[in-house]
């Protein structure tokens, strides 16, 4: 079995696992909401169902894509070429870098604006900004060594 096929099988198993846990979490949340005694809080219930429905949709899409690729060797080869192509990797790296910079800028700007209105939101956005920066610096230092 070639290494890329093993990677796809591992991704398929992980997607199935996430889909199962997502479905169980959604069912547990619905049952907990309904068993609370009073009427369920529909705003929280609808948000959690939307979140888990999105997770399930992505997992099902990935499961179908990987299962189809494992059955058809030409689709597996096309998936491997698309993933390992240097141009696609460069596009992905540039996209991630631009997204990170935009996220940092928006968090900083949002924190400044929120500092005038709500201190709790300002500290929350500041904490998120600091955590993202620490993670970025840790990975930057790690990959700079290699």
Protein backbone atom coordinates (compact mmCIF):
# COMPACT_ATOMS: atom_id res chain seq x y z
CA UNK A 1 0.00 0.00 0.00
CA UNK A 2 1.50 3.33 -1.02
CA UNK A 3 1.97 6.04 1.63
CA UNK A 4 -0.64 8.40 0.20
CA UNK A 5 -3.28 5.64 0.25
CA UNK A 6 -2.46 5.03 3.93
CA UNK A 7 -2.88 8.77 4.56
CA UNK A 8 -6.30 8.75 2.88
CA UNK A 9 -7.39 5.70 4.87
CA UNK A 10 -6.29 7.43 8.09
CA UNK A 11 -8.17 10.61 7.12
CA UNK A 12 -11.25 8.55 6.29
CA UNK A 13 -11.20 6.87 9.70
CA UNK A 14 -10.71 10.21 11.45
CA UNK A 15 -13.60 11.77 9.52
CA UNK A 16 -15.88 8.88 10.45
CA UNK A 17 -14.84 9.20 14.09
CA UNK A 18 -15.51 12.95 14.14
CA UNK A 19 -18.87 12.44 12.42
CA UNK A 20 -19.92 9.84 14.98
CA UNK A 21 -18.82 11.97 17.96
CA UNK A 22 -20.49 15.03 16.43
CA UNK A 23 -23.76 13.17 15.99
CA UNK A 24 -23.58 11.80 19.54
CA UNK A 25 -22.83 15.25 20.93
CA UNK A 26 -25.75 16.77 19.03
CA UNK A 27 -28.12 14.06 20.27
CA UNK A 28 -26.84 14.43 23.84
CA UNK A 29 -27.30 18.20 23.66
CA UNK A 30 -30.85 17.86 22.37
CA UNK A 31 -31.75 15.28 25.03
CA UNK A 32 -30.19 17.42 27.76
CA UNK A 33 -32.05 20.48 26.55
CA UNK A 34 -35.36 18.61 26.47
CA UNK A 35 -34.86 16.98 29.88
CA UNK A 36 -34.14 20.23 31.73
CA UNK A 37 -37.70 20.40 33.01
CA UNK A 38 -38.88 23.62 31.42
CA UNK A 39 -39.17 24.59 27.81
CA UNK A 40 -35.88 24.31 25.94
CA UNK A 41 -33.93 27.46 25.18
CA UNK A 42 -34.45 27.56 21.43
CA UNK A 43 -31.68 30.06 20.72
CA UNK A 44 -29.01 27.84 22.27
CA UNK A 45 -30.58 24.70 20.83
CA UNK A 46 -30.70 26.09 17.30
CA UNK A 47 -27.11 27.36 17.46
CA UNK A 48 -25.78 24.05 18.71
CA UNK A 49 -27.76 22.09 16.12
CA UNK A 50 -26.44 24.42 13.40
CA UNK A 51 -22.88 23.94 14.61
CA UNK A 52 -23.14 20.16 14.69
CA UNK A 53 -24.99 20.09 11.35
CA UNK A 54 -22.09 21.99 9.80
CA UNK A 55 -19.57 19.59 11.31
CA UNK A 56 -21.58 16.63 10.05
CA UNK A 57 -21.87 18.09 6.54
CA UNK A 58 -18.13 18.62 6.27
CA UNK A 59 -17.40 15.13 7.62
CA UNK A 60 -19.87 13.49 5.24
CA UNK A 61 -18.37 15.39 2.31
CA UNK A 62 -14.88 14.24 3.30
CA UNK A 63 -16.01 10.64 3.86
CA UNK A 64 -17.62 10.47 0.42
CA UNK A 65 -14.60 12.09 -1.24
CA UNK A 66 -12.07 9.77 0.39
CA UNK A 67 -14.17 6.62 -0.10
CA UNK A 68 -14.58 7.47 -3.79
CA UNK A 69 -10.83 8.07 -4.11
CA UNK A 70 -10.02 4.73 -2.47
CA UNK A 71 -12.28 2.87 -4.90
CA UNK A 72 -11.00 4.55 -8.06
CA UNK A 73 -7.22 4.59 -8.56
CA UNK A 74 -7.41 7.47 -11.06
CA UNK A 75 -9.25 9.65 -8.51
CA UNK A 76 -6.68 8.73 -5.87
CA UNK A 77 -3.90 9.75 -8.23
CA UNK A 78 -5.68 13.03 -9.05
CA UNK A 79 -6.14 13.75 -5.35
CA UNK A 80 -2.47 13.03 -4.69
CA UNK A 81 -1.35 15.29 -7.53
CA UNK A 82 -3.67 18.09 -6.38
CA UNK A 83 -2.39 17.83 -2.83
CA UNK A 84 1.31 17.49 -3.56
CA UNK A 85 1.53 19.96 -6.44
CA UNK A 86 3.98 22.73 -5.59
CA UNK A 87 1.78 25.44 -7.07
CA UNK A 88 -1.19 24.36 -4.96
CA UNK A 89 1.02 24.22 -1.87
CA UNK A 90 2.27 27.73 -2.57
CA UNK A 91 -1.29 29.00 -3.00
CA UNK A 92 -2.31 27.34 0.24
CA UNK A 93 0.63 28.84 2.15
CA UNK A 94 -0.07 32.33 0.80
CA UNK A 95 -3.75 31.98 1.64
CA UNK A 96 -2.99 30.88 5.19
CA UNK A 97 -0.51 33.71 5.69
CA UNK A 98 -2.93 36.34 4.35
CA UNK A 99 -5.75 34.95 6.47
CA UNK A 100 -3.58 35.04 9.59
CA UNK A 101 -2.54 38.64 9.00
CA UNK A 102 -6.13 39.71 8.32
CA UNK A 103 -7.35 37.89 11.44
CA UNK A 104 -4.69 39.56 13.59
CA UNK A 105 -5.52 42.98 12.15
CA UNK A 106 -9.27 42.52 12.65
CA UNK A 107 -8.80 41.27 16.22
CA UNK A 108 -6.57 44.24 17.00
CA UNK A 109 -8.94 46.75 15.42
CA UNK A 110 -11.96 45.10 17.04
CA UNK A 111 -10.21 45.19 20.42
CA UNK A 112 -9.50 48.89 20.07
CA UNK A 113 -13.09 49.65 19.10
CA UNK A 114 -14.48 47.43 21.89
CA UNK A 115 -12.28 49.14 24.47
CA UNK A 116 -14.57 52.16 24.19
CA UNK A 117 -17.76 50.17 24.76
CA UNK A 118 -17.23 46.92 26.65
CA UNK A 119 -14.11 46.13 28.71
CA UNK A 120 -14.97 42.42 28.98
CA UNK A 121 -15.13 42.08 25.21
CA UNK A 122 -11.89 44.05 24.89
CA UNK A 123 -10.07 41.64 27.23
CA UNK A 124 -11.60 38.63 25.46
CA UNK A 125 -10.44 39.81 22.04
CA UNK A 126 -7.05 40.72 23.52
CA UNK A 127 -6.67 37.25 25.02
CA UNK A 128 -7.59 35.62 21.70
CA UNK A 129 -5.10 37.85 19.92
CA UNK A 130 -2.34 36.94 22.36
CA UNK A 131 -3.07 33.21 22.11
CA UNK A 132 -2.98 33.33 18.29
CA UNK A 133 0.28 35.28 18.38
CA UNK A 134 1.88 32.81 20.80
CA UNK A 135 0.81 29.86 18.65
CA UNK A 136 2.08 31.64 15.53
CA UNK A 137 5.45 32.40 17.13
CA UNK A 138 5.80 28.84 18.43
CA UNK A 139 5.21 27.37 14.98
CA UNK A 140 7.41 30.03 13.35
CA UNK A 141 10.29 29.14 15.65
CA UNK A 142 9.72 25.42 15.12
CA UNK A 143 9.68 25.60 11.31
CA UNK A 144 12.55 28.09 11.23
CA UNK A 145 14.80 25.36 12.64
CA UNK A 146 14.15 23.11 9.63
